[in-house]
Structure formats: C-alpha cells, structure tokens
Amino acid sequence: MKPLPANRPDLWSQQQRACTLRVSRAELERLLGPALVHDAGDGLGPRYRWGFQFDCGLEVMIDLPRQSTSSREAVLWMEHLEVEHALAHLGLSTNRVLWRADMQNPLPLEGWAVVRQADADNRFDMCVLSIRAHAECLARLMEEARAYAQSYDVERRGTPPRVAPRRAPEYFAESIAS
C-alpha cells in the first residue's frame, strides 16, 4: 500500500462516499500510520485524512472529523463501491460499518463474484465486484485471513459481454439472394 498524494486536486472528484465506519483515530493511526490534518475551508472544519492505493489498484480515502471525543464516525471514499475489498485491505471488519451506499442502491449483479467454498461443498457468493483484479485481490486476502477449510474463487456473474453477430461471407449472401 502506498500513500496517495495529498495535493492531487482531482482525487476527491473521482471518489464517492462508500460507507461510514465507527472507528477511533487511535485505531486508524495504529493500522494506517499518521494522518494528514486537513482544513480545506469548506465549512466542515478540520479533519484527519488518510489516502492509499493498494497493489491491486484500489484507491481509498478515509476522512475523520477532528473532534475531542475518542470514538467517531469516519467516512470511507472510493471510486468503485467495493466496501468488503477496502475493509479487507484496511484490516477492519464489516461490524464497524454503520452505513453503506450499496445498501440504499443495490449494486448490479454483473461483474466478478468472490465465492466462498466451505469443506462441506457449500458455496456462497460473498460479493460481486466490477473489476476482476479487485475480486481476485479480495479472494486472496480472504484466503490468507482464513486458512482453515475454506477456499475463495472468482467467477463471472451476470450477462456475458455482447458479441457482434457473425456476418455471412459475401459469396454466400449472393447465392442466397439469387
């Protein structure tokens, strides 16, 4: 994971609010390192910010209001709504999620499914991501975290990509017309 440049102006324009997390600044600093203190003069007040790009290409940003209480609500921003993938990279569990954007607007079921297979041959779709490399990365992260009696695979879901219809050769079309 490498930090995102703090002075990149288009960074926030590409991101969307993915979820709200209940997490303290101390815990985020333990997991992610020191934060940048940011006050853009946007009326929201000073905030702590973290931004990272992971090896798979996923970019995430975390925005935490700078207040005096010990436990706060942080906002996770990303371009693609891949909450499970981001949480796996950040080392946070889904029980920290207070609100998710994909709960109000369900994501389409087209893309790449991360499938869990238990030892009793039970198979479950964990989530469907739009980018294959991100789904493969999440499957790898889940496999490493749970090394017992479960495996994770990536499979295509939804409608297959459209293929242009095959055209008949010119000589064949002429013989049919006559």
N, C-alpha and C. Protein backbone atom coordinates (compact mmCIF):
# COMPACT_ATOMS: atom_id res chain seq x y z
N MET A 1 0.86 -1.17 0.00
CA MET A 1 0.00 0.00 0.00
C MET A 1 0.90 1.22 0.00
N LYS A 2 0.54 2.17 -0.86
CA LYS A 2 1.34 3.39 -0.90
C LYS A 2 0.41 4.59 -0.70
N PRO A 3 0.88 5.60 -0.01
CA PRO A 3 0.04 6.78 0.25
C PRO A 3 -0.28 7.53 -1.02
N LEU A 4 -1.48 8.08 -1.08
CA LEU A 4 -1.87 8.93 -2.20
C LEU A 4 -1.34 10.34 -1.97
N PRO A 5 -0.97 11.04 -3.01
CA PRO A 5 -0.50 12.42 -2.83
C PRO A 5 -1.63 13.30 -2.31
N ALA A 6 -1.34 14.08 -1.30
CA ALA A 6 -2.37 14.91 -0.67
C ALA A 6 -2.75 16.11 -1.52
N ASN A 7 -1.90 16.50 -2.45
CA ASN A 7 -2.15 17.72 -3.22
C ASN A 7 -2.73 17.44 -4.61
N ARG A 8 -3.23 16.26 -4.85
CA ARG A 8 -3.81 15.92 -6.16
C ARG A 8 -5.24 16.46 -6.22
N PRO A 9 -5.52 17.49 -7.02
CA PRO A 9 -6.82 18.15 -6.98
C PRO A 9 -7.99 17.30 -7.46
N ASP A 10 -7.74 16.37 -8.40
CA ASP A 10 -8.84 15.58 -8.94
C ASP A 10 -9.16 14.35 -8.09
N LEU A 11 -8.42 14.13 -7.02
CA LEU A 11 -8.58 12.94 -6.20
C LEU A 11 -9.99 12.81 -5.64
N TRP A 12 -10.51 13.86 -5.04
CA TRP A 12 -11.84 13.79 -4.42
C TRP A 12 -12.95 13.78 -5.45
N SER A 13 -12.72 14.34 -6.64
CA SER A 13 -13.78 14.37 -7.64
C SER A 13 -14.05 12.97 -8.21
N GLN A 14 -13.10 12.07 -8.13
CA GLN A 14 -13.28 10.71 -8.65
C GLN A 14 -13.91 9.78 -7.62
N GLN A 15 -13.94 10.18 -6.39
CA GLN A 15 -14.37 9.29 -5.31
C GLN A 15 -15.84 9.51 -4.97
N GLN A 16 -16.45 8.48 -4.39
CA GLN A 16 -17.80 8.61 -3.87
C GLN A 16 -17.84 8.03 -2.47
N ARG A 17 -18.79 8.49 -1.71
CA ARG A 17 -18.92 8.04 -0.32
C ARG A 17 -19.40 6.60 -0.32
N ALA A 18 -18.56 5.69 0.16
CA ALA A 18 -18.88 4.27 0.13
C ALA A 18 -19.52 3.79 1.42
N CYS A 19 -19.00 4.24 2.57
CA CYS A 19 -19.58 3.81 3.84
C CYS A 19 -19.11 4.71 4.98
N THR A 20 -19.81 4.59 6.10
CA THR A 20 -19.45 5.28 7.33
C THR A 20 -19.05 4.21 8.34
N LEU A 21 -17.92 4.42 9.00
CA LEU A 21 -17.37 3.45 9.94
C LEU A 21 -17.32 4.03 11.35
N ARG A 22 -17.55 3.20 12.34
CA ARG A 22 -17.31 3.61 13.73
C ARG A 22 -15.92 3.12 14.09
N VAL A 23 -15.00 4.09 14.18
CA VAL A 23 -13.60 3.76 14.45
C VAL A 23 -12.94 5.00 15.06
N SER A 24 -12.00 4.78 15.94
CA SER A 24 -11.30 5.91 16.58
C SER A 24 -10.07 6.30 15.78
N ARG A 25 -9.62 7.51 16.00
CA ARG A 25 -8.40 7.98 15.35
C ARG A 25 -7.21 7.15 15.77
N ALA A 26 -7.15 6.77 17.06
CA ALA A 26 -6.04 5.97 17.55
C ALA A 26 -5.96 4.63 16.83
N GLU A 27 -7.11 4.01 16.60
CA GLU A 27 -7.10 2.73 15.89
C GLU A 27 -6.68 2.90 14.43
N LEU A 28 -7.17 3.95 13.79
CA LEU A 28 -6.78 4.20 12.40
C LEU A 28 -5.28 4.48 12.30
N GLU A 29 -4.74 5.23 13.24
CA GLU A 29 -3.30 5.51 13.22
C GLU A 29 -2.49 4.26 13.49
N ARG A 30 -3.01 3.37 14.32
CA ARG A 30 -2.31 2.10 14.57
C ARG A 30 -2.29 1.24 13.29
N LEU A 31 -3.40 1.23 12.56
CA LEU A 31 -3.50 0.42 11.34
C LEU A 31 -2.81 1.06 10.14
N LEU A 32 -2.92 2.40 10.01
CA LEU A 32 -2.55 3.07 8.77
C LEU A 32 -1.39 4.06 8.90
N GLY A 33 -0.99 4.35 10.12
CA GLY A 33 0.06 5.33 10.31
C GLY A 33 -0.53 6.71 10.56
N PRO A 34 0.33 7.72 10.68
CA PRO A 34 -0.16 9.06 11.00
C PRO A 34 -1.03 9.63 9.87
N ALA A 35 -1.99 10.42 10.28
CA ALA A 35 -2.91 11.04 9.33
C ALA A 35 -2.44 12.43 8.95
N LEU A 36 -2.96 12.91 7.84
CA LEU A 36 -2.79 14.31 7.48
C LEU A 36 -3.92 15.10 8.12
N VAL A 37 -3.64 16.25 8.67
CA VAL A 37 -4.70 17.13 9.16
C VAL A 37 -5.04 18.07 8.03
N HIS A 38 -6.31 18.13 7.71
CA HIS A 38 -6.72 18.88 6.53
C HIS A 38 -7.86 19.82 6.90
N ASP A 39 -7.77 21.06 6.47
CA ASP A 39 -8.86 22.02 6.60
C ASP A 39 -8.94 22.79 5.30
N ALA A 40 -9.85 22.36 4.44
CA ALA A 40 -9.95 22.94 3.09
C ALA A 40 -10.76 24.22 3.08
N GLY A 41 -11.23 24.68 4.21
CA GLY A 41 -12.05 25.88 4.22
C GLY A 41 -13.42 25.65 3.61
N ASP A 42 -13.89 24.41 3.68
CA ASP A 42 -15.17 24.07 3.08
C ASP A 42 -16.32 24.11 4.07
N GLY A 43 -16.06 24.59 5.28
CA GLY A 43 -17.11 24.70 6.29
C GLY A 43 -17.31 23.45 7.13
N LEU A 44 -16.61 22.38 6.80
CA LEU A 44 -16.75 21.14 7.56
C LEU A 44 -15.78 21.06 8.73
N GLY A 45 -14.87 21.99 8.82
CA GLY A 45 -13.91 22.00 9.91
C GLY A 45 -12.73 21.11 9.63
N PRO A 46 -11.75 21.15 10.51
CA PRO A 46 -10.54 20.34 10.30
C PRO A 46 -10.86 18.84 10.40
N ARG A 47 -10.14 18.08 9.59
CA ARG A 47 -10.36 16.63 9.56
C ARG A 47 -9.02 15.91 9.46
N TYR A 48 -9.02 14.67 9.92
CA TYR A 48 -7.89 13.78 9.70
C TYR A 48 -8.17 13.03 8.41
N ARG A 49 -7.14 12.86 7.58
CA ARG A 49 -7.33 12.15 6.32
C ARG A 49 -6.19 11.16 6.08
N TRP A 50 -6.59 10.02 5.52
CA TRP A 50 -5.66 9.00 5.04
C TRP A 50 -6.05 8.69 3.61
N GLY A 51 -5.11 8.42 2.77
CA GLY A 51 -5.38 8.03 1.40
C GLY A 51 -4.33 7.04 0.93
N PHE A 52 -4.79 5.93 0.34
CA PHE A 52 -3.87 4.88 -0.08
C PHE A 52 -4.29 4.30 -1.42
N GLN A 53 -3.29 3.81 -2.14
CA GLN A 53 -3.52 2.97 -3.31
C GLN A 53 -2.86 1.64 -3.02
N PHE A 54 -3.65 0.56 -3.15
CA PHE A 54 -3.14 -0.77 -2.87
C PHE A 54 -2.56 -1.38 -4.15
N ASP A 55 -1.84 -2.47 -4.01
CA ASP A 55 -1.16 -3.10 -5.14
C ASP A 55 -2.12 -3.49 -6.26
N CYS A 56 -3.37 -3.79 -5.93
CA CYS A 56 -4.35 -4.19 -6.94
C CYS A 56 -4.92 -2.99 -7.69
N GLY A 57 -4.58 -1.78 -7.28
CA GLY A 57 -5.06 -0.57 -7.95
C GLY A 57 -6.19 0.14 -7.22
N LEU A 58 -6.77 -0.47 -6.19
CA LEU A 58 -7.86 0.14 -5.43
C LEU A 58 -7.34 1.36 -4.67
N GLU A 59 -8.03 2.49 -4.85
CA GLU A 59 -7.70 3.71 -4.11
C GLU A 59 -8.80 3.97 -3.10
N VAL A 60 -8.40 4.24 -1.85
CA VAL A 60 -9.36 4.57 -0.80
C VAL A 60 -8.88 5.80 -0.05
N MET A 61 -9.85 6.53 0.47
CA MET A 61 -9.54 7.66 1.34
C MET A 61 -10.46 7.56 2.55
N ILE A 62 -9.92 7.94 3.69
CA ILE A 62 -10.69 7.95 4.93
C ILE A 62 -10.66 9.37 5.45
N ASP A 63 -11.83 9.85 5.83
CA ASP A 63 -12.00 11.21 6.32
C ASP A 63 -12.62 11.12 7.71
N LEU A 64 -11.96 11.67 8.73
CA LEU A 64 -12.42 11.60 10.12
C LEU A 64 -12.46 13.01 10.70
N PRO A 65 -13.64 13.47 11.16
CA PRO A 65 -13.70 14.82 11.75
C PRO A 65 -12.77 14.92 12.95
N ARG A 66 -12.15 16.06 13.09
CA ARG A 66 -11.21 16.29 14.20
C ARG A 66 -11.99 16.90 15.35
N GLN A 67 -12.41 16.03 16.29
CA GLN A 67 -13.18 16.45 17.46
C GLN A 67 -12.50 15.92 18.70
N SER A 68 -13.08 16.19 19.85
CA SER A 68 -12.42 15.81 21.10
C SER A 68 -12.85 14.44 21.62
N THR A 69 -13.87 13.82 21.05
CA THR A 69 -14.31 12.52 21.55
C THR A 69 -13.38 11.42 21.05
N SER A 70 -13.35 10.30 21.77
CA SER A 70 -12.41 9.24 21.41
C SER A 70 -12.93 8.31 20.32
N SER A 71 -14.24 8.15 20.18
CA SER A 71 -14.78 7.28 19.15
C SER A 71 -15.62 8.10 18.19
N ARG A 72 -15.35 7.99 16.90
CA ARG A 72 -16.01 8.84 15.92
C ARG A 72 -16.50 8.02 14.74
N GLU A 73 -17.10 8.73 13.84
CA GLU A 73 -17.56 8.12 12.60
C GLU A 73 -16.68 8.62 11.46
N ALA A 74 -15.99 7.70 10.83
CA ALA A 74 -15.12 8.02 9.70
C ALA A 74 -15.86 7.68 8.41
N VAL A 75 -15.57 8.43 7.35
CA VAL A 75 -16.17 8.18 6.05
C VAL A 75 -15.11 7.57 5.14
N LEU A 76 -15.47 6.47 4.49
CA LEU A 76 -14.60 5.79 3.55
C LEU A 76 -15.04 6.18 2.14
N TRP A 77 -14.11 6.73 1.36
CA TRP A 77 -14.38 7.18 0.00
C TRP A 77 -13.62 6.31 -0.97
N MET A 78 -14.25 5.97 -2.11
CA MET A 78 -13.58 5.21 -3.17
C MET A 78 -14.34 5.38 -4.47
N GLU A 79 -13.69 5.08 -5.57
CA GLU A 79 -14.32 5.25 -6.88
C GLU A 79 -15.37 4.17 -7.12
N HIS A 80 -15.03 2.91 -6.84
CA HIS A 80 -15.95 1.79 -7.00
C HIS A 80 -16.43 1.38 -5.62
N LEU A 81 -17.72 1.10 -5.48
CA LEU A 81 -18.27 0.74 -4.18
C LEU A 81 -17.91 -0.71 -3.85
N GLU A 82 -16.71 -0.90 -3.35
CA GLU A 82 -16.20 -2.22 -3.00
C GLU A 82 -15.83 -2.22 -1.51
N VAL A 83 -16.85 -2.15 -0.67
CA VAL A 83 -16.64 -1.98 0.77
C VAL A 83 -15.87 -3.16 1.35
N GLU A 84 -16.27 -4.40 1.03
CA GLU A 84 -15.59 -5.57 1.59
C GLU A 84 -14.11 -5.59 1.20
N HIS A 85 -13.83 -5.24 -0.03
CA HIS A 85 -12.45 -5.23 -0.52
C HIS A 85 -11.62 -4.20 0.25
N ALA A 86 -12.16 -2.99 0.40
CA ALA A 86 -11.43 -1.94 1.12
C ALA A 86 -11.22 -2.32 2.58
N LEU A 87 -12.24 -2.85 3.24
CA LEU A 87 -12.12 -3.23 4.64
C LEU A 87 -11.08 -4.34 4.83
N ALA A 88 -11.02 -5.28 3.89
CA ALA A 88 -10.02 -6.34 3.99
C ALA A 88 -8.60 -5.77 3.92
N HIS A 89 -8.39 -4.81 3.02
CA HIS A 89 -7.07 -4.17 2.94
C HIS A 89 -6.76 -3.36 4.19
N LEU A 90 -7.76 -2.70 4.75
CA LEU A 90 -7.53 -1.83 5.90
C LEU A 90 -7.45 -2.59 7.22
N GLY A 91 -7.83 -3.86 7.22
CA GLY A 91 -7.78 -4.65 8.45
C GLY A 91 -8.95 -4.36 9.37
N LEU A 92 -10.08 -3.94 8.82
CA LEU A 92 -11.28 -3.66 9.60
C LEU A 92 -12.38 -4.65 9.24
N SER A 93 -13.23 -4.97 10.19
CA SER A 93 -14.31 -5.92 9.92
C SER A 93 -15.60 -5.18 9.54
N THR A 94 -16.51 -5.90 8.93
CA THR A 94 -17.77 -5.29 8.49
C THR A 94 -18.67 -4.88 9.66
N ASN A 95 -18.40 -5.37 10.87
CA ASN A 95 -19.23 -4.94 12.00
C ASN A 95 -18.93 -3.50 12.41
N ARG A 96 -17.93 -2.87 11.82
CA ARG A 96 -17.63 -1.45 12.06
C ARG A 96 -18.46 -0.54 11.16
N VAL A 97 -19.14 -1.11 10.16
CA VAL A 97 -19.89 -0.32 9.18
C VAL A 97 -21.23 0.12 9.78
N LEU A 98 -21.46 1.43 9.76
CA LEU A 98 -22.73 1.98 10.24
C LEU A 98 -23.71 2.23 9.09
N TRP A 99 -23.16 2.60 7.95
CA TRP A 99 -23.97 2.91 6.77
C TRP A 99 -23.17 2.55 5.54
N ARG A 100 -23.84 2.02 4.51
CA ARG A 100 -23.19 1.66 3.25
C ARG A 100 -24.00 2.23 2.10
N ALA A 101 -23.32 2.78 1.12
CA ALA A 101 -24.01 3.33 -0.05
C ALA A 101 -24.73 2.24 -0.83
N ASP A 102 -24.17 1.05 -0.88
CA ASP A 102 -24.80 -0.01 -1.65
C ASP A 102 -25.99 -0.65 -0.93
N MET A 103 -26.26 -0.27 0.30
CA MET A 103 -27.47 -0.74 0.97
C MET A 103 -28.70 0.00 0.45
N GLN A 104 -28.55 1.27 0.12
CA GLN A 104 -29.67 2.05 -0.37
C GLN A 104 -29.87 1.87 -1.87
N ASN A 105 -28.81 1.69 -2.62
CA ASN A 105 -28.86 1.48 -4.06
C ASN A 105 -28.11 0.20 -4.36
N PRO A 106 -28.80 -0.93 -4.41
CA PRO A 106 -28.08 -2.20 -4.62
C PRO A 106 -27.25 -2.17 -5.89
N LEU A 107 -26.08 -2.75 -5.80
CA LEU A 107 -25.19 -2.83 -6.95
C LEU A 107 -25.72 -3.85 -7.94
N PRO A 108 -25.45 -3.66 -9.22
CA PRO A 108 -25.86 -4.67 -10.19
C PRO A 108 -25.13 -5.98 -9.93
N LEU A 109 -25.76 -7.06 -10.29
CA LEU A 109 -25.16 -8.37 -10.06
C LEU A 109 -24.31 -8.83 -11.23
N GLU A 110 -23.82 -7.91 -11.99
CA GLU A 110 -22.92 -8.23 -13.09
C GLU A 110 -21.50 -7.88 -12.66
N GLY A 111 -20.58 -8.74 -12.99
CA GLY A 111 -19.18 -8.48 -12.65
C GLY A 111 -18.50 -9.77 -12.25
N TRP A 112 -17.67 -9.69 -11.22
CA TRP A 112 -16.87 -10.81 -10.77
C TRP A 112 -17.21 -11.14 -9.33
N ALA A 113 -17.72 -12.35 -9.10
CA ALA A 113 -18.14 -12.78 -7.76
C ALA A 113 -16.98 -13.42 -7.02
N VAL A 114 -16.86 -13.07 -5.75
CA VAL A 114 -15.93 -13.76 -4.86
C VAL A 114 -16.76 -14.85 -4.19
N VAL A 115 -16.42 -16.11 -4.44
CA VAL A 115 -17.20 -17.26 -3.99
C VAL A 115 -16.44 -17.98 -2.90
N ARG A 116 -17.12 -18.22 -1.77
CA ARG A 116 -16.51 -18.99 -0.68
C ARG A 116 -17.02 -20.42 -0.76
N GLN A 117 -16.09 -21.37 -0.69
CA GLN A 117 -16.47 -22.77 -0.67
C GLN A 117 -15.97 -23.37 0.63
N ALA A 118 -16.92 -23.87 1.44
CA ALA A 118 -16.58 -24.48 2.72
C ALA A 118 -16.23 -25.95 2.50
N ASP A 119 -15.79 -26.61 3.55
CA ASP A 119 -15.36 -28.00 3.45
C ASP A 119 -16.50 -28.95 3.10
N ALA A 120 -17.75 -28.59 3.37
CA ALA A 120 -18.90 -29.44 3.06
C ALA A 120 -19.45 -29.17 1.66
N ASP A 121 -18.63 -28.59 0.79
CA ASP A 121 -19.01 -28.25 -0.59
C ASP A 121 -20.14 -27.24 -0.67
N ASN A 122 -20.37 -26.48 0.38
CA ASN A 122 -21.33 -25.38 0.33
C ASN A 122 -20.65 -24.18 -0.30
N ARG A 123 -21.33 -23.55 -1.26
CA ARG A 123 -20.75 -22.40 -1.97
C ARG A 123 -21.63 -21.18 -1.74
N PHE A 124 -20.99 -20.04 -1.49
CA PHE A 124 -21.70 -18.79 -1.25
C PHE A 124 -21.01 -17.66 -2.00
N ASP A 125 -21.80 -16.81 -2.64
CA ASP A 125 -21.25 -15.58 -3.21
C ASP A 125 -21.07 -14.59 -2.07
N MET A 126 -19.83 -14.16 -1.85
CA MET A 126 -19.55 -13.19 -0.79
C MET A 126 -19.92 -11.78 -1.26
N CYS A 127 -19.54 -11.43 -2.49
CA CYS A 127 -19.86 -10.14 -3.07
C CYS A 127 -19.55 -10.19 -4.55
N VAL A 128 -20.04 -9.20 -5.28
CA VAL A 128 -19.77 -9.09 -6.72
C VAL A 128 -19.11 -7.74 -6.95
N LEU A 129 -17.92 -7.75 -7.54
CA LEU A 129 -17.16 -6.54 -7.80
C LEU A 129 -17.08 -6.30 -9.30
N SER A 130 -16.95 -5.06 -9.68
CA SER A 130 -16.96 -4.73 -11.10
C SER A 130 -15.63 -4.96 -11.79
N ILE A 131 -14.55 -5.02 -11.05
CA ILE A 131 -13.21 -5.17 -11.64
C ILE A 131 -12.63 -6.52 -11.23
N ARG A 132 -12.22 -7.30 -12.22
CA ARG A 132 -11.73 -8.65 -11.96
C ARG A 132 -10.50 -8.66 -11.04
N ALA A 133 -9.56 -7.76 -11.28
CA ALA A 133 -8.34 -7.71 -10.45
C ALA A 133 -8.68 -7.43 -8.99
N HIS A 134 -9.69 -6.62 -8.74
CA HIS A 134 -10.10 -6.34 -7.37
C HIS A 134 -10.74 -7.56 -6.73
N ALA A 135 -11.55 -8.30 -7.49
CA ALA A 135 -12.16 -9.52 -6.97
C ALA A 135 -11.10 -10.56 -6.65
N GLU A 136 -10.12 -10.71 -7.52
CA GLU A 136 -9.03 -11.66 -7.27
C GLU A 136 -8.22 -11.26 -6.05
N CYS A 137 -8.00 -9.97 -5.88
CA CYS A 137 -7.27 -9.48 -4.72
C CYS A 137 -8.03 -9.78 -3.43
N LEU A 138 -9.35 -9.51 -3.43
CA LEU A 138 -10.17 -9.79 -2.24
C LEU A 138 -10.18 -11.28 -1.93
N ALA A 139 -10.30 -12.13 -2.94
CA ALA A 139 -10.27 -13.58 -2.71
C ALA A 139 -8.95 -14.00 -2.07
N ARG A 140 -7.85 -13.42 -2.56
CA ARG A 140 -6.53 -13.72 -1.99
C ARG A 140 -6.45 -13.26 -0.53
N LEU A 141 -6.94 -12.05 -0.25
CA LEU A 141 -6.90 -11.54 1.12
C LEU A 141 -7.74 -12.39 2.07
N MET A 142 -8.90 -12.83 1.61
CA MET A 142 -9.77 -13.66 2.45
C MET A 142 -9.16 -15.04 2.65
N GLU A 143 -8.53 -15.57 1.63
CA GLU A 143 -7.87 -16.87 1.73
C GLU A 143 -6.75 -16.81 2.77
N GLU A 144 -5.96 -15.74 2.75
CA GLU A 144 -4.86 -15.58 3.71
C GLU A 144 -5.38 -15.39 5.13
N ALA A 145 -6.49 -14.69 5.28
CA ALA A 145 -7.02 -14.43 6.62
C ALA A 145 -7.69 -15.66 7.23
N ARG A 146 -8.24 -16.53 6.40
CA ARG A 146 -8.96 -17.70 6.89
C ARG A 146 -8.36 -18.95 6.24
N ALA A 147 -7.29 -19.44 6.80
CA ALA A 147 -6.56 -20.54 6.18
C ALA A 147 -7.17 -21.92 6.47
N TYR A 148 -8.30 -22.00 7.13
CA TYR A 148 -8.87 -23.28 7.50
C TYR A 148 -10.08 -23.64 6.64
N ALA A 149 -10.13 -24.79 6.11
CA ALA A 149 -11.28 -25.46 5.50
C ALA A 149 -12.17 -24.61 4.60
N GLN A 150 -11.69 -23.50 4.11
CA GLN A 150 -12.46 -22.69 3.18
C GLN A 150 -11.54 -22.22 2.07
N SER A 151 -12.11 -22.14 0.88
CA SER A 151 -11.35 -21.58 -0.22
C SER A 151 -12.20 -20.51 -0.89
N TYR A 152 -11.54 -19.61 -1.58
CA TYR A 152 -12.21 -18.49 -2.24
C TYR A 152 -11.81 -18.47 -3.70
N ASP A 153 -12.81 -18.38 -4.57
CA ASP A 153 -12.59 -18.35 -6.01
C ASP A 153 -13.26 -17.12 -6.58
N VAL A 154 -12.93 -16.80 -7.82
CA VAL A 154 -13.54 -15.67 -8.54
C VAL A 154 -14.23 -16.23 -9.77
N GLU A 155 -15.50 -15.86 -9.95
CA GLU A 155 -16.29 -16.32 -11.10
C GLU A 155 -17.05 -15.16 -11.70
N ARG A 156 -17.28 -15.24 -13.00
CA ARG A 156 -18.04 -14.21 -13.73
C ARG A 156 -19.51 -14.33 -13.36
N ARG A 157 -20.19 -13.19 -13.15
CA ARG A 157 -21.62 -13.15 -12.85
C ARG A 157 -22.31 -12.19 -13.81
N GLY A 158 -23.58 -12.44 -14.06
CA GLY A 158 -24.37 -11.55 -14.90
C GLY A 158 -24.34 -11.94 -16.35
N THR A 159 -24.76 -11.04 -17.18
CA THR A 159 -24.81 -11.33 -18.60
C THR A 159 -23.42 -11.28 -19.20
N PRO A 160 -23.12 -12.21 -20.10
CA PRO A 160 -21.80 -12.17 -20.74
C PRO A 160 -21.70 -10.95 -21.65
N PRO A 161 -20.50 -10.52 -21.96
CA PRO A 161 -20.35 -9.36 -22.84
C PRO A 161 -20.96 -9.64 -24.21
N ARG A 162 -21.53 -8.61 -24.79
CA ARG A 162 -22.16 -8.77 -26.11
C ARG A 162 -21.10 -9.00 -27.17
N VAL A 163 -21.40 -9.92 -28.05
CA VAL A 163 -20.51 -10.23 -29.16
C VAL A 163 -21.24 -9.84 -30.43
N ALA A 164 -20.55 -9.16 -31.31
CA ALA A 164 -21.16 -8.75 -32.58
C ALA A 164 -21.55 -9.99 -33.37
N PRO A 165 -22.73 -9.98 -34.01
CA PRO A 165 -23.15 -11.16 -34.79
C PRO A 165 -22.19 -11.40 -35.95
N ARG A 166 -21.99 -12.66 -36.25
CA ARG A 166 -21.10 -13.03 -37.35
C ARG A 166 -21.78 -12.76 -38.68
N ARG A 167 -21.05 -12.16 -39.56
CA ARG A 167 -21.59 -11.88 -40.90
C ARG A 167 -21.27 -13.05 -41.82
N ALA A 168 -22.22 -13.33 -42.70
CA ALA A 168 -22.01 -14.39 -43.69
C ALA A 168 -21.03 -13.88 -44.74
N PRO A 169 -20.22 -14.77 -45.30
CA PRO A 169 -19.31 -14.35 -46.38
C PRO A 169 -20.11 -13.80 -47.56
N GLU A 170 -19.49 -12.89 -48.29
CA GLU A 170 -20.16 -12.22 -49.42
C GLU A 170 -20.68 -13.21 -50.45
N TYR A 171 -19.88 -14.22 -50.81
CA TYR A 171 -20.31 -15.16 -51.84
C TYR A 171 -21.52 -15.97 -51.40
N PHE A 172 -21.63 -16.23 -50.07
CA PHE A 172 -22.77 -16.98 -49.55
C PHE A 172 -24.03 -16.14 -49.59
N ALA A 173 -23.92 -14.85 -49.25
CA ALA A 173 -25.06 -13.94 -49.28
C ALA A 173 -25.58 -13.76 -50.70
N GLU A 174 -24.67 -13.74 -51.68
CA GLU A 174 -25.09 -13.57 -53.07
C GLU A 174 -25.83 -14.81 -53.57
N SER A 175 -25.40 -16.01 -53.18
CA SER A 175 -26.05 -17.24 -53.64
C SER A 175 -27.45 -17.39 -53.06
N ILE A 176 -27.66 -16.87 -51.84
CA ILE A 176 -28.98 -16.92 -51.21
C ILE A 176 -29.92 -15.95 -51.90
N ALA A 177 -29.41 -14.78 -52.29
CA ALA A 177 -30.25 -13.76 -52.93
C ALA A 177 -30.72 -14.18 -54.31
N SER A 178 -29.96 -15.00 -55.04
CA SER A 178 -30.35 -15.35 -56.42
C SER A 178 -31.20 -16.60 -56.48
